[in-house]
Protein backbone atom coordinates (compact mmCIF):
# COMPACT_ATOMS: atom_id res chain seq x y z
CA MET A 1 -15.71 13.14 20.76
CA ILE A 2 -15.60 9.91 22.72
CA LEU A 3 -19.29 9.23 21.93
CA LEU A 4 -18.71 9.89 18.23
CA GLU A 5 -15.62 7.67 18.06
CA GLY A 6 -17.43 4.90 19.96
CA ALA A 7 -20.41 5.00 17.61
CA LEU A 8 -18.18 4.90 14.55
CA GLU A 9 -15.94 2.17 15.92
CA SER A 10 -18.79 -0.15 16.89
CA SER A 11 -20.82 0.32 13.69
CA MET A 12 -18.20 0.98 11.06
CA SER A 13 -15.37 -1.41 11.84
CA ASN A 14 -15.99 -4.06 9.16
CA SER A 15 -17.04 -3.06 5.68
CA ASP A 16 -16.12 -3.66 2.09
CA ILE A 17 -17.56 -0.23 1.22
CA PHE A 18 -14.80 1.80 2.88
CA THR A 19 -11.50 1.63 4.75
CA HIS A 20 -10.64 3.65 7.84
CA VAL A 21 -7.18 4.89 6.89
CA TYR A 22 -6.09 7.05 9.82
CA SER A 23 -7.16 9.49 12.53
CA ARG A 24 -5.41 12.71 13.47
CA THR A 25 -5.87 14.87 16.57
CA GLY A 26 -4.51 18.37 17.17
CA ASN A 27 -5.36 22.08 17.28
CA ASN A 28 -8.72 21.26 18.89
CA LEU A 29 -9.65 19.13 15.88
CA LYS A 30 -10.13 15.43 15.25
CA GLU A 31 -9.79 14.19 11.69
CA LEU A 32 -11.06 10.74 10.72
CA VAL A 33 -10.04 9.66 7.23
CA TYR A 34 -11.87 6.95 5.32
CA TYR A 35 -11.33 5.86 1.74
CA THR A 36 -14.33 4.73 -0.31
CA THR A 37 -15.40 4.46 -3.92
CA LYS A 38 -19.08 4.42 -2.95
CA GLN A 39 -19.88 7.76 -1.30
CA ASP A 40 -23.65 7.23 -1.16
CA GLU A 41 -23.32 3.85 0.54
CA PHE A 42 -20.68 5.21 2.92
CA MET A 43 -23.03 8.02 3.94
CA LYS A 44 -25.88 5.55 4.56
CA ILE A 45 -23.63 3.49 6.84
CA LEU A 46 -22.35 6.62 8.60
CA ASN A 47 -25.86 7.98 9.15
CA GLY A 48 -27.00 4.59 10.42
CA ALA A 49 -24.11 4.50 12.89
CA LEU A 50 -25.07 7.91 14.25
CA GLU A 51 -28.87 7.82 14.06
CA LYS A 52 -29.37 7.05 17.78
CA HIS A 53 -27.22 10.00 18.84
CA ASP A 54 -27.73 13.73 19.02
CA VAL A 55 -26.36 15.65 16.07
CA PHE A 56 -22.57 15.92 16.19
CA PRO A 57 -20.84 19.13 15.02
CA ILE A 58 -18.91 17.44 12.23
CA GLU A 59 -17.90 18.42 8.72
CA ILE A 60 -17.63 15.84 5.95
CA ASN A 61 -15.52 16.40 2.86
CA PHE A 62 -14.94 14.06 -0.05
CA TYR A 63 -11.78 14.20 -2.16
CA GLU A 64 -10.67 12.08 -5.07
CA ASP A 65 -7.40 10.37 -4.19
CA ARG A 66 -7.08 7.27 -6.37
CA GLU A 67 -3.37 6.89 -5.64
CA TRP A 68 -3.76 7.26 -1.84
CA THR A 69 -1.47 10.30 -2.02
CA ASP A 70 -2.73 11.76 1.27
CA PHE A 71 -2.06 8.52 3.16
CA LYS A 72 1.38 8.17 1.58
CA LYS A 73 2.20 11.69 2.79
CA VAL A 74 1.14 10.81 6.34
CA LEU A 75 3.32 7.68 6.25
CA LYS A 76 6.25 9.72 4.98
CA ASP A 77 5.77 12.27 7.79
CA PHE A 78 6.17 9.49 10.38
CA LYS A 79 8.94 7.59 8.65
CA LYS A 80 12.22 7.49 10.57
CA LYS A 81 15.11 9.27 8.96
């Protein structure tokens, strides 16, 4: 996980193609959430960031979330009452 995060952080930190929104860790899982409107370009950048590494056991899912509903829910979950 540390190798994966390092590769992503060093190669994917500055882009106008996507935004790293948040990361979540728990239940033996690590979730990295990015928002993009250009999936093909995002995948090219992601593959380029990981091309010098062995294959990582990751799953990639794309969802349409134009209103950033998922991120708003995460913010609400951490908001003080």
